[in-house]
């Protein structure tokens, strides 16, 4: 029985194990976390569009997007130093209007 199985079983117990087992468990946790984060980052990349992508889709200038953000017409989100637009917001705008001011 490995540490994961013991934890998953929900049984309360005191256990003694070697430092190498603890290290192996920690490495497993790190691998799992990296895998989950990689999936999350990939999802983020597909859920958002860059300023240039949105400008091209809507046939507007980057300055227009800046004005729309300022007025609340089409808000961007900031992820780190990047300004990105939610795909769902852009598609909703395309569906409801022709994409021009």
PDB file of N, CA and C in Angstrom:
ATOM      1  N   UNK A   1       0.860  -1.177   0.000  1.00  0.00           N
ATOM      2  CA  UNK A   1       0.000   0.000   0.000  1.00  0.00           C
ATOM      3  C   UNK A   1       0.904   1.238   0.000  1.00  0.00           C
ATOM      4  N   UNK A   2       0.685   2.157  -0.947  1.00  0.00           N
ATOM      5  CA  UNK A   2       1.499   3.363  -0.982  1.00  0.00           C
ATOM      6  C   UNK A   2       0.797   4.503  -0.238  1.00  0.00           C
ATOM      7  N   UNK A   3       1.476   5.623  -0.088  1.00  0.00           N
ATOM      8  CA  UNK A   3       0.952   6.754   0.684  1.00  0.00           C
ATOM      9  C   UNK A   3      -0.358   7.262   0.092  1.00  0.00           C
ATOM     10  N   UNK A   4      -0.446   7.332  -1.227  1.00  0.00           N
ATOM     11  CA  UNK A   4      -1.688   7.798  -1.871  1.00  0.00           C
ATOM     12  C   UNK A   4      -2.873   6.925  -1.492  1.00  0.00           C
ATOM     13  N   UNK A   5      -2.676   5.612  -1.497  1.00  0.00           N
ATOM     14  CA  UNK A   5      -3.760   4.694  -1.141  1.00  0.00           C
ATOM     15  C   UNK A   5      -4.175   4.864   0.314  1.00  0.00           C
ATOM     16  N   UNK A   6      -3.206   5.065   1.193  1.00  0.00           N
ATOM     17  CA  UNK A   6      -3.510   5.270   2.610  1.00  0.00           C
ATOM     18  C   UNK A   6      -4.324   6.541   2.788  1.00  0.00           C
ATOM     19  N   UNK A   7      -3.905   7.622   2.138  1.00  0.00           N
ATOM     20  CA  UNK A   7      -4.620   8.898   2.249  1.00  0.00           C
ATOM     21  C   UNK A   7      -6.023   8.768   1.668  1.00  0.00           C
ATOM     22  N   UNK A   8      -6.129   8.115   0.522  1.00  0.00           N
ATOM     23  CA  UNK A   8      -7.427   7.957  -0.138  1.00  0.00           C
ATOM     24  C   UNK A   8      -8.392   7.094   0.662  1.00  0.00           C
ATOM     25  N   UNK A   9      -7.865   6.173   1.448  1.00  0.00           N
ATOM     26  CA  UNK A   9      -8.733   5.264   2.208  1.00  0.00           C
ATOM     27  C   UNK A   9      -9.503   5.987   3.304  1.00  0.00           C
ATOM     28  N   UNK A  10      -8.999   7.124   3.765  1.00  0.00           N
ATOM     29  CA  UNK A  10      -9.693   7.886   4.798  1.00  0.00           C
ATOM     30  C   UNK A  10      -9.500   7.336   6.196  1.00  0.00           C
ATOM     31  N   UNK A  11      -8.716   6.297   6.341  1.00  0.00           N
ATOM     32  CA  UNK A  11      -8.461   5.701   7.650  1.00  0.00           C
ATOM     33  C   UNK A  11      -7.503   6.602   8.422  1.00  0.00           C
ATOM     34  N   UNK A  12      -7.843   6.836   9.691  1.00  0.00           N
ATOM     35  CA  UNK A  12      -6.943   7.631  10.529  1.00  0.00           C
ATOM     36  C   UNK A  12      -5.944   6.698  11.190  1.00  0.00           C
ATOM     37  N   UNK A  13      -4.664   7.009  11.040  1.00  0.00           N
ATOM     38  CA  UNK A  13      -3.622   6.179  11.636  1.00  0.00           C
ATOM     39  C   UNK A  13      -2.336   6.973  11.714  1.00  0.00           C
ATOM     40  N   UNK A  14      -1.487   6.551  12.591  1.00  0.00           N
ATOM     41  CA  UNK A  14      -0.136   7.084  12.654  1.00  0.00           C
ATOM     42  C   UNK A  14       0.743   6.152  11.847  1.00  0.00           C
ATOM     43  N   UNK A  15       1.577   6.733  11.020  1.00  0.00           N
ATOM     44  CA  UNK A  15       2.448   5.901  10.202  1.00  0.00           C
ATOM     45  C   UNK A  15       3.870   6.411  10.305  1.00  0.00           C
ATOM     46  N   UNK A  16       4.777   5.498  10.142  1.00  0.00           N
ATOM     47  CA  UNK A  16       6.194   5.826  10.103  1.00  0.00           C
ATOM     48  C   UNK A  16       6.696   5.399   8.734  1.00  0.00           C
ATOM     49  N   UNK A  17       7.444   6.289   8.098  1.00  0.00           N
ATOM     50  CA  UNK A  17       7.981   5.940   6.792  1.00  0.00           C
ATOM     51  C   UNK A  17       9.338   6.582   6.616  1.00  0.00           C
ATOM     52  N   UNK A  18      10.042   6.097   5.620  1.00  0.00           N
ATOM     53  CA  UNK A  18      11.387   6.588   5.343  1.00  0.00           C
ATOM     54  C   UNK A  18      11.321   7.947   4.650  1.00  0.00           C
ATOM     55  N   UNK A  19      12.368   8.718   4.814  1.00  0.00           N
ATOM     56  CA  UNK A  19      12.456  10.027   4.164  1.00  0.00           C
ATOM     57  C   UNK A  19      12.370   9.880   2.650  1.00  0.00           C
ATOM     58  N   UNK A  20      12.915   8.801   2.121  1.00  0.00           N
ATOM     59  CA  UNK A  20      12.865   8.592   0.667  1.00  0.00           C
ATOM     60  C   UNK A  20      11.419   8.405   0.195  1.00  0.00           C
ATOM     61  N   UNK A  21      10.577   7.765   1.033  1.00  0.00           N
ATOM     62  CA  UNK A  21       9.164   7.619   0.680  1.00  0.00           C
ATOM     63  C   UNK A  21       8.461   8.973   0.687  1.00  0.00           C
ATOM     64  N   UNK A  22       8.804   9.801   1.677  1.00  0.00           N
ATOM     65  CA  UNK A  22       8.219  11.135   1.747  1.00  0.00           C
ATOM     66  C   UNK A  22       8.628  11.959   0.529  1.00  0.00           C
ATOM     67  N   UNK A  23       9.890  11.837   0.147  1.00  0.00           N
ATOM     68  CA  UNK A  23      10.382  12.557  -1.035  1.00  0.00           C
ATOM     69  C   UNK A  23       9.639  12.089  -2.291  1.00  0.00           C
ATOM     70  N   UNK A  24       9.458  10.783  -2.422  1.00  0.00           N
ATOM     71  CA  UNK A  24       8.743  10.230  -3.575  1.00  0.00           C
ATOM     72  C   UNK A  24       7.306  10.764  -3.622  1.00  0.00           C
ATOM     73  N   UNK A  25       6.662  10.830  -2.461  1.00  0.00           N
ATOM     74  CA  UNK A  25       5.302  11.351  -2.394  1.00  0.00           C
ATOM     75  C   UNK A  25       5.272  12.831  -2.784  1.00  0.00           C
ATOM     76  N   UNK A  26       6.227  13.606  -2.285  1.00  0.00           N
ATOM     77  CA  UNK A  26       6.296  15.034  -2.621  1.00  0.00           C
ATOM     78  C   UNK A  26       6.502  15.220  -4.122  1.00  0.00           C
ATOM     79  N   UNK A  27       7.366  14.422  -4.713  1.00  0.00           N
ATOM     80  CA  UNK A  27       7.598  14.513  -6.154  1.00  0.00           C
ATOM     81  C   UNK A  27       6.334  14.152  -6.931  1.00  0.00           C
ATOM     82  N   UNK A  28       5.595  13.177  -6.436  1.00  0.00           N
ATOM     83  CA  UNK A  28       4.329  12.797  -7.064  1.00  0.00           C
ATOM     84  C   UNK A  28       3.356  13.975  -7.027  1.00  0.00           C
ATOM     85  N   UNK A  29       3.259  14.640  -5.872  1.00  0.00           N
ATOM     86  CA  UNK A  29       2.375  15.799  -5.749  1.00  0.00           C
ATOM     87  C   UNK A  29       2.770  16.909  -6.718  1.00  0.00           C
ATOM     88  N   UNK A  30       4.064  17.136  -6.847  1.00  0.00           N
ATOM     89  CA  UNK A  30       4.544  18.176  -7.763  1.00  0.00           C
ATOM     90  C   UNK A  30       4.190  17.810  -9.201  1.00  0.00           C
ATOM     91  N   UNK A  31       4.401  16.554  -9.584  1.00  0.00           N
ATOM     92  CA  UNK A  31       4.060  16.117 -10.948  1.00  0.00           C
ATOM     93  C   UNK A  31       2.572  16.301 -11.225  1.00  0.00           C
ATOM     94  N   UNK A  32       1.736  15.911 -10.275  1.00  0.00           N
ATOM     95  CA  UNK A  32       0.288  16.060 -10.437  1.00  0.00           C
ATOM     96  C   UNK A  32      -0.100  17.526 -10.575  1.00  0.00           C
ATOM     97  N   UNK A  33       0.491  18.372  -9.745  1.00  0.00           N
ATOM     98  CA  UNK A  33       0.184  19.801  -9.781  1.00  0.00           C
ATOM     99  C   UNK A  33       0.608  20.414 -11.104  1.00  0.00           C
ATOM    100  N   UNK A  34       1.790  20.059 -11.578  1.00  0.00           N
ATOM    101  CA  UNK A  34       2.273  20.570 -12.863  1.00  0.00           C
ATOM    102  C   UNK A  34       1.341  20.134 -13.985  1.00  0.00           C
ATOM    103  N   UNK A  35       0.903  18.888 -13.953  1.00  0.00           N
ATOM    104  CA  UNK A  35      -0.009  18.370 -14.975  1.00  0.00           C
ATOM    105  C   UNK A  35      -1.331  19.146 -14.959  1.00  0.00           C
ATOM    106  N   UNK A  36      -1.860  19.393 -13.763  1.00  0.00           N
ATOM    107  CA  UNK A  36      -3.115  20.137 -13.652  1.00  0.00           C
ATOM    108  C   UNK A  36      -2.949  21.578 -14.119  1.00  0.00           C
ATOM    109  N   UNK A  37      -1.834  22.200 -13.743  1.00  0.00           N
ATOM    110  CA  UNK A  37      -1.593  23.582 -14.161  1.00  0.00           C
ATOM    111  C   UNK A  37      -1.393  23.683 -15.662  1.00  0.00           C
ATOM    112  N   UNK A  38      -0.723  22.705 -16.247  1.00  0.00           N
ATOM    113  CA  UNK A  38      -0.519  22.715 -17.699  1.00  0.00           C
ATOM    114  C   UNK A  38      -1.861  22.666 -18.411  1.00  0.00           C
ATOM    115  N   UNK A  39      -2.773  21.851 -17.924  1.00  0.00           N
ATOM    116  CA  UNK A  39      -4.112  21.793 -18.503  1.00  0.00           C
ATOM    117  C   UNK A  39      -4.846  23.097 -18.336  1.00  0.00           C
ATOM    118  N   UNK A  40      -4.661  23.727 -17.193  1.00  0.00           N
ATOM    119  CA  UNK A  40      -5.313  25.004 -16.917  1.00  0.00           C
ATOM    120  C   UNK A  40      -4.772  26.099 -17.826  1.00  0.00           C
ATOM    121  N   UNK A  41      -3.466  26.128 -18.019  1.00  0.00           N
ATOM    122  CA  UNK A  41      -2.852  27.132 -18.892  1.00  0.00           C
ATOM    123  C   UNK A  41      -3.302  26.920 -20.324  1.00  0.00           C
ATOM    124  N   UNK A  42      -3.363  25.674 -20.773  1.00  0.00           N
ATOM    125  CA  UNK A  42      -3.822  25.398 -22.136  1.00  0.00           C
ATOM    126  C   UNK A  42      -5.258  25.870 -22.305  1.00  0.00           C
ATOM    127  N   UNK A  43      -6.086  25.650 -21.299  1.00  0.00           N
ATOM    128  CA  UNK A  43      -7.477  26.099 -21.362  1.00  0.00           C
ATOM    129  C   UNK A  43      -7.530  27.620 -21.406  1.00  0.00           C
ATOM    130  N   UNK A  44      -6.694  28.272 -20.612  1.00  0.00           N
ATOM    131  CA  UNK A  44      -6.660  29.731 -20.602  1.00  0.00           C
ATOM    132  C   UNK A  44      -6.307  30.267 -21.982  1.00  0.00           C
ATOM    133  N   UNK A  45      -5.329  29.656 -22.638  1.00  0.00           N
ATOM    134  CA  UNK A  45      -4.926  30.114 -23.963  1.00  0.00           C
ATOM    135  C   UNK A  45      -6.068  30.007 -24.964  1.00  0.00           C
ATOM    136  N   UNK A  46      -6.929  29.015 -24.822  1.00  0.00           N
ATOM    137  CA  UNK A  46      -8.004  28.838 -25.785  1.00  0.00           C
ATOM    138  C   UNK A  46      -9.243  29.649 -25.433  1.00  0.00           C
ATOM    139  N   UNK A  47      -9.349  30.121 -24.200  1.00  0.00           N
ATOM    140  CA  UNK A  47     -10.519  30.881 -23.770  1.00  0.00           C
ATOM    141  C   UNK A  47     -10.362  32.386 -23.974  1.00  0.00           C
ATOM    142  N   UNK A  48      -9.174  32.826 -24.324  1.00  0.00           N
ATOM    143  CA  UNK A  48      -8.892  34.250 -24.450  1.00  0.00           C
ATOM    144  C   UNK A  48      -8.278  34.575 -25.804  1.00  0.00           C
ATOM    145  N   UNK A  49      -8.457  35.818 -26.215  1.00  0.00           N
ATOM    146  CA  UNK A  49      -7.888  36.310 -27.471  1.00  0.00           C
ATOM    147  C   UNK A  49      -7.010  37.517 -27.175  1.00  0.00           C
ATOM    148  N   UNK A  50      -5.971  37.695 -27.984  1.00  0.00           N
ATOM    149  CA  UNK A  50      -5.099  38.854 -27.833  1.00  0.00           C
ATOM    150  C   UNK A  50      -5.758  40.092 -28.435  1.00  0.00           C
ATOM    151  N   UNK A  51      -5.187  41.238 -28.132  1.00  0.00           N
ATOM    152  CA  UNK A  51      -5.681  42.503 -28.683  1.00  0.00           C
ATOM    153  C   UNK A  51      -5.659  42.450 -30.209  1.00  0.00           C
ATOM    154  N   UNK A  52      -4.571  41.976 -30.778  1.00  0.00           N
ATOM    155  CA  UNK A  52      -4.463  41.916 -32.242  1.00  0.00           C
ATOM    156  C   UNK A  52      -5.502  40.973 -32.849  1.00  0.00           C
ATOM    157  N   UNK A  53      -5.737  39.830 -32.201  1.00  0.00           N
ATOM    158  CA  UNK A  53      -6.740  38.885 -32.713  1.00  0.00           C
ATOM    159  C   UNK A  53      -8.137  39.504 -32.704  1.00  0.00           C
ATOM    160  N   UNK A  54      -8.469  40.199 -31.608  1.00  0.00           N
ATOM    161  CA  UNK A  54      -9.792  40.816 -31.504  1.00  0.00           C
ATOM    162  C   UNK A  54      -9.931  41.955 -32.507  1.00  0.00           C
ATOM    163  N   UNK A  55      -8.894  42.773 -32.644  1.00  0.00           N
ATOM    164  CA  UNK A  55      -8.939  43.880 -33.601  1.00  0.00           C
ATOM    165  C   UNK A  55      -9.181  43.350 -35.013  1.00  0.00           C
ATOM    166  N   UNK A  56      -8.514  42.264 -35.356  1.00  0.00           N
ATOM    167  CA  UNK A  56      -8.695  41.679 -36.689  1.00  0.00           C
ATOM    168  C   UNK A  56     -10.102  41.096 -36.848  1.00  0.00           C
ATOM    169  N   UNK A  57     -10.581  40.399 -35.824  1.00  0.00           N
ATOM    170  CA  UNK A  57     -11.917  39.790 -35.904  1.00  0.00           C
ATOM    171  C   UNK A  57     -13.013  40.832 -36.063  1.00  0.00           C
ATOM    172  N   UNK A  58     -12.863  41.951 -35.346  1.00  0.00           N
ATOM    173  CA  UNK A  58     -13.905  42.975 -35.346  1.00  0.00           C
ATOM    174  C   UNK A  58     -13.662  44.069 -36.384  1.00  0.00           C
ATOM    175  N   UNK A  59     -12.529  43.992 -37.070  1.00  0.00           N
ATOM    176  CA  UNK A  59     -12.160  44.982 -38.089  1.00  0.00           C
ATOM    177  C   UNK A  59     -12.118  46.391 -37.490  1.00  0.00           C
ATOM    178  N   UNK A  60     -11.436  46.488 -36.344  1.00  0.00           N
ATOM    179  CA  UNK A  60     -11.266  47.782 -35.682  1.00  0.00           C
ATOM    180  C   UNK A  60      -9.800  47.964 -35.321  1.00  0.00           C
ATOM    181  N   UNK A  61      -9.442  49.184 -34.981  1.00  0.00           N
ATOM    182  CA  UNK A  61      -8.075  49.506 -34.577  1.00  0.00           C
ATOM    183  C   UNK A  61      -7.901  49.185 -33.097  1.00  0.00           C
ATOM    184  N   UNK A  62      -6.664  48.961 -32.696  1.00  0.00           N
ATOM    185  CA  UNK A  62      -6.347  48.706 -31.287  1.00  0.00           C
ATOM    186  C   UNK A  62      -6.828  49.848 -30.393  1.00  0.00           C
ATOM    187  N   UNK A  63      -6.763  51.072 -30.899  1.00  0.00           N
ATOM    188  CA  UNK A  63      -7.218  52.231 -30.120  1.00  0.00           C
ATOM    189  C   UNK A  63      -8.717  52.126 -29.841  1.00  0.00           C
ATOM    190  N   UNK A  64      -9.463  51.626 -30.808  1.00  0.00           N
ATOM    191  CA  UNK A  64     -10.903  51.433 -30.617  1.00  0.00           C
ATOM    192  C   UNK A  64     -11.148  50.445 -29.485  1.00  0.00           C
ATOM    193  N   UNK A  65     -10.364  49.375 -29.446  1.00  0.00           N
ATOM    194  CA  UNK A  65     -10.507  48.405 -28.359  1.00  0.00           C
ATOM    195  C   UNK A  65     -10.198  49.048 -27.017  1.00  0.00           C
ATOM    196  N   UNK A  66      -9.195  49.906 -26.989  1.00  0.00           N
ATOM    197  CA  UNK A  66      -8.856  50.622 -25.754  1.00  0.00           C
ATOM    198  C   UNK A  66     -10.033  51.490 -25.308  1.00  0.00           C
ATOM    199  N   UNK A  67     -10.638  52.201 -26.266  1.00  0.00           N
ATOM    200  CA  UNK A  67     -11.795  53.055 -25.946  1.00  0.00           C
ATOM    201  C   UNK A  67     -12.976  52.218 -25.463  1.00  0.00           C
ATOM    202  N   UNK A  68     -13.213  51.092 -26.125  1.00  0.00           N
ATOM    203  CA  UNK A  68     -14.309  50.220 -25.720  1.00  0.00           C
ATOM    204  C   UNK A  68     -14.093  49.691 -24.304  1.00  0.00           C
ATOM    205  N   UNK A  69     -12.858  49.354 -23.978  1.00  0.00           N
ATOM    206  CA  UNK A  69     -12.559  48.883 -22.630  1.00  0.00           C
ATOM    207  C   UNK A  69     -12.829  49.988 -21.614  1.00  0.00           C
ATOM    208  N   UNK A  70     -12.376  51.191 -21.942  1.00  0.00           N
ATOM    209  CA  UNK A  70     -12.541  52.335 -21.035  1.00  0.00           C
ATOM    210  C   UNK A  70     -14.024  52.641 -20.799  1.00  0.00           C
ATOM    211  N   UNK A  71     -14.836  52.507 -21.844  1.00  0.00           N
ATOM    212  CA  UNK A  71     -16.266  52.809 -21.730  1.00  0.00           C
ATOM    213  C   UNK A  71     -17.074  51.630 -21.167  1.00  0.00           C
ATOM    214  N   UNK A  72     -16.451  50.446 -21.121  1.00  0.00           N
ATOM    215  CA  UNK A  72     -17.153  49.265 -20.626  1.00  0.00           C
ATOM    216  C   UNK A  72     -17.868  48.478 -21.710  1.00  0.00           C
ATOM    217  N   UNK A  73     -17.771  48.924 -22.958  1.00  0.00           N
ATOM    218  CA  UNK A  73     -18.445  48.254 -24.079  1.00  0.00           C
ATOM    219  C   UNK A  73     -17.886  46.849 -24.307  1.00  0.00           C
ATOM    220  N   UNK A  74     -16.564  46.718 -24.273  1.00  0.00           N
ATOM    221  CA  UNK A  74     -15.896  45.422 -24.390  1.00  0.00           C
ATOM    222  C   UNK A  74     -14.685  45.463 -23.469  1.00  0.00           C
ATOM    223  N   UNK A  75     -14.822  44.842 -22.316  1.00  0.00           N
ATOM    224  CA  UNK A  75     -13.766  44.893 -21.303  1.00  0.00           C
ATOM    225  C   UNK A  75     -12.703  43.832 -21.572  1.00  0.00           C
ATOM    226  N   UNK A  76     -11.449  44.216 -21.333  1.00  0.00           N
ATOM    227  CA  UNK A  76     -10.378  43.224 -21.389  1.00  0.00           C
ATOM    228  C   UNK A  76     -10.047  42.783 -19.966  1.00  0.00           C
ATOM    229  N   UNK A  77      -9.319  41.693 -19.864  1.00  0.00           N
ATOM    230  CA  UNK A  77      -8.805  41.229 -18.582  1.00  0.00           C
ATOM    231  C   UNK A  77      -7.291  41.271 -18.669  1.00  0.00           C
ATOM    232  N   UNK A  78      -6.665  41.461 -17.531  1.00  0.00           N
ATOM    233  CA  UNK A  78      -5.208  41.489 -17.506  1.00  0.00           C
ATOM    234  C   UNK A  78      -4.705  40.233 -16.822  1.00  0.00           C
ATOM    235  N   UNK A  79      -3.923  39.473 -17.550  1.00  0.00           N
ATOM    236  CA  UNK A  79      -3.265  38.293 -17.008  1.00  0.00           C
ATOM    237  C   UNK A  79      -1.778  38.578 -17.048  1.00  0.00           C
ATOM    238  N   UNK A  80      -1.232  38.922 -15.903  1.00  0.00           N
ATOM    239  CA  UNK A  80       0.150  39.378 -15.861  1.00  0.00           C
ATOM    240  C   UNK A  80       0.230  40.706 -16.575  1.00  0.00           C
ATOM    241  N   UNK A  81       1.104  40.810 -17.537  1.00  0.00           N
ATOM    242  CA  UNK A  81       1.232  42.060 -18.296  1.00  0.00           C
ATOM    243  C   UNK A  81       0.435  42.017 -19.603  1.00  0.00           C
ATOM    244  N   UNK A  82      -0.287  40.929 -19.832  1.00  0.00           N
ATOM    245  CA  UNK A  82      -1.053  40.784 -21.078  1.00  0.00           C
ATOM    246  C   UNK A  82      -2.470  41.314 -20.917  1.00  0.00           C
ATOM    247  N   UNK A  83      -2.940  41.992 -21.947  1.00  0.00           N
ATOM    248  CA  UNK A  83      -4.347  42.385 -22.034  1.00  0.00           C
ATOM    249  C   UNK A  83      -5.016  41.392 -22.971  1.00  0.00           C
ATOM    250  N   UNK A  84      -5.989  40.667 -22.448  1.00  0.00           N
ATOM    251  CA  UNK A  84      -6.677  39.653 -23.234  1.00  0.00           C
ATOM    252  C   UNK A  84      -8.179  39.873 -23.158  1.00  0.00           C
ATOM    253  N   UNK A  85      -8.872  39.349 -24.152  1.00  0.00           N
ATOM    254  CA  UNK A  85     -10.328  39.445 -24.206  1.00  0.00           C
ATOM    255  C   UNK A  85     -10.912  38.045 -24.127  1.00  0.00           C
ATOM    256  N   UNK A  86     -11.982  37.904 -23.363  1.00  0.00           N
ATOM    257  CA  UNK A  86     -12.664  36.611 -23.291  1.00  0.00           C
ATOM    258  C   UNK A  86     -13.304  36.324 -24.648  1.00  0.00           C
ATOM    259  N   UNK A  87     -13.072  35.120 -25.150  1.00  0.00           N
ATOM    260  CA  UNK A  87     -13.678  34.738 -26.432  1.00  0.00           C
ATOM    261  C   UNK A  87     -15.190  34.875 -26.366  1.00  0.00           C
ATOM    262  N   UNK A  88     -15.767  34.476 -25.253  1.00  0.00           N
ATOM    263  CA  UNK A  88     -17.225  34.525 -25.124  1.00  0.00           C
ATOM    264  C   UNK A  88     -17.739  35.956 -25.252  1.00  0.00           C
ATOM    265  N   UNK A  89     -16.998  36.938 -24.700  1.00  0.00           N
ATOM    266  CA  UNK A  89     -17.408  38.345 -24.814  1.00  0.00           C
ATOM    267  C   UNK A  89     -17.346  38.817 -26.264  1.00  0.00           C
ATOM    268  N   UNK A  90     -16.277  38.438 -26.954  1.00  0.00           N
ATOM    269  CA  UNK A  90     -16.102  38.862 -28.346  1.00  0.00           C
ATOM    270  C   UNK A  90     -17.176  38.223 -29.227  1.00  0.00           C
ATOM    271  N   UNK A  91     -17.437  36.923 -29.030  1.00  0.00           N
ATOM    272  CA  UNK A  91     -18.459  36.250 -29.834  1.00  0.00           C
ATOM    273  C   UNK A  91     -19.847  36.806 -29.548  1.00  0.00           C
ATOM    274  N   UNK A  92     -20.108  37.163 -28.299  1.00  0.00           N
ATOM    275  CA  UNK A  92     -21.394  37.773 -27.948  1.00  0.00           C
ATOM    276  C   UNK A  92     -21.549  39.115 -28.657  1.00  0.00           C
ATOM    277  N   UNK A  93     -20.480  39.902 -28.691  1.00  0.00           N
ATOM    278  CA  UNK A  93     -20.505  41.188 -29.388  1.00  0.00           C
ATOM    279  C   UNK A  93     -20.749  40.978 -30.882  1.00  0.00           C
ATOM    280  N   UNK A  94     -20.072  39.996 -31.459  1.00  0.00           N
ATOM    281  CA  UNK A  94     -20.264  39.700 -32.880  1.00  0.00           C
ATOM    282  C   UNK A  94     -21.699  39.271 -33.164  1.00  0.00           C
ATOM    283  N   UNK A  95     -22.266  38.512 -32.249  1.00  0.00           N
ATOM    284  CA  UNK A  95     -23.624  38.015 -32.436  1.00  0.00           C
ATOM    285  C   UNK A  95     -24.651  39.151 -32.355  1.00  0.00           C
ATOM    286  N   UNK A  96     -24.423  40.112 -31.465  1.00  0.00           N
ATOM    287  CA  UNK A  96     -25.405  41.171 -31.214  1.00  0.00           C
ATOM    288  C   UNK A  96     -25.230  42.421 -32.068  1.00  0.00           C
ATOM    289  N   UNK A  97     -24.041  42.624 -32.611  1.00  0.00           N
ATOM    290  CA  UNK A  97     -23.774  43.826 -33.415  1.00  0.00           C
ATOM    291  C   UNK A  97     -22.914  43.459 -34.606  1.00  0.00           C
ATOM    292  N   UNK A  98     -22.575  44.466 -35.370  1.00  0.00           N
ATOM    293  CA  UNK A  98     -21.662  44.197 -36.485  1.00  0.00           C
ATOM    294  C   UNK A  98     -20.220  44.456 -36.087  1.00  0.00           C
ATOM    295  N   UNK A  99     -19.946  44.773 -34.807  1.00  0.00           N
ATOM    296  CA  UNK A  99     -18.583  44.931 -34.325  1.00  0.00           C
ATOM    297  C   UNK A  99     -17.995  46.306 -34.516  1.00  0.00           C
ATOM    298  N   UNK A 100     -18.806  47.303 -34.845  1.00  0.00           N
ATOM    299  CA  UNK A 100     -18.291  48.662 -35.015  1.00  0.00           C
ATOM    300  C   UNK A 100     -18.914  49.577 -33.988  1.00  0.00           C
ATOM    301  N   UNK A 101     -18.188  50.678 -33.708  1.00  0.00           N
ATOM    302  CA  UNK A 101     -18.684  51.684 -32.763  1.00  0.00           C
ATOM    303  C   UNK A 101     -19.928  52.341 -33.303  1.00  0.00           C
TER     304      UNK A 101
END
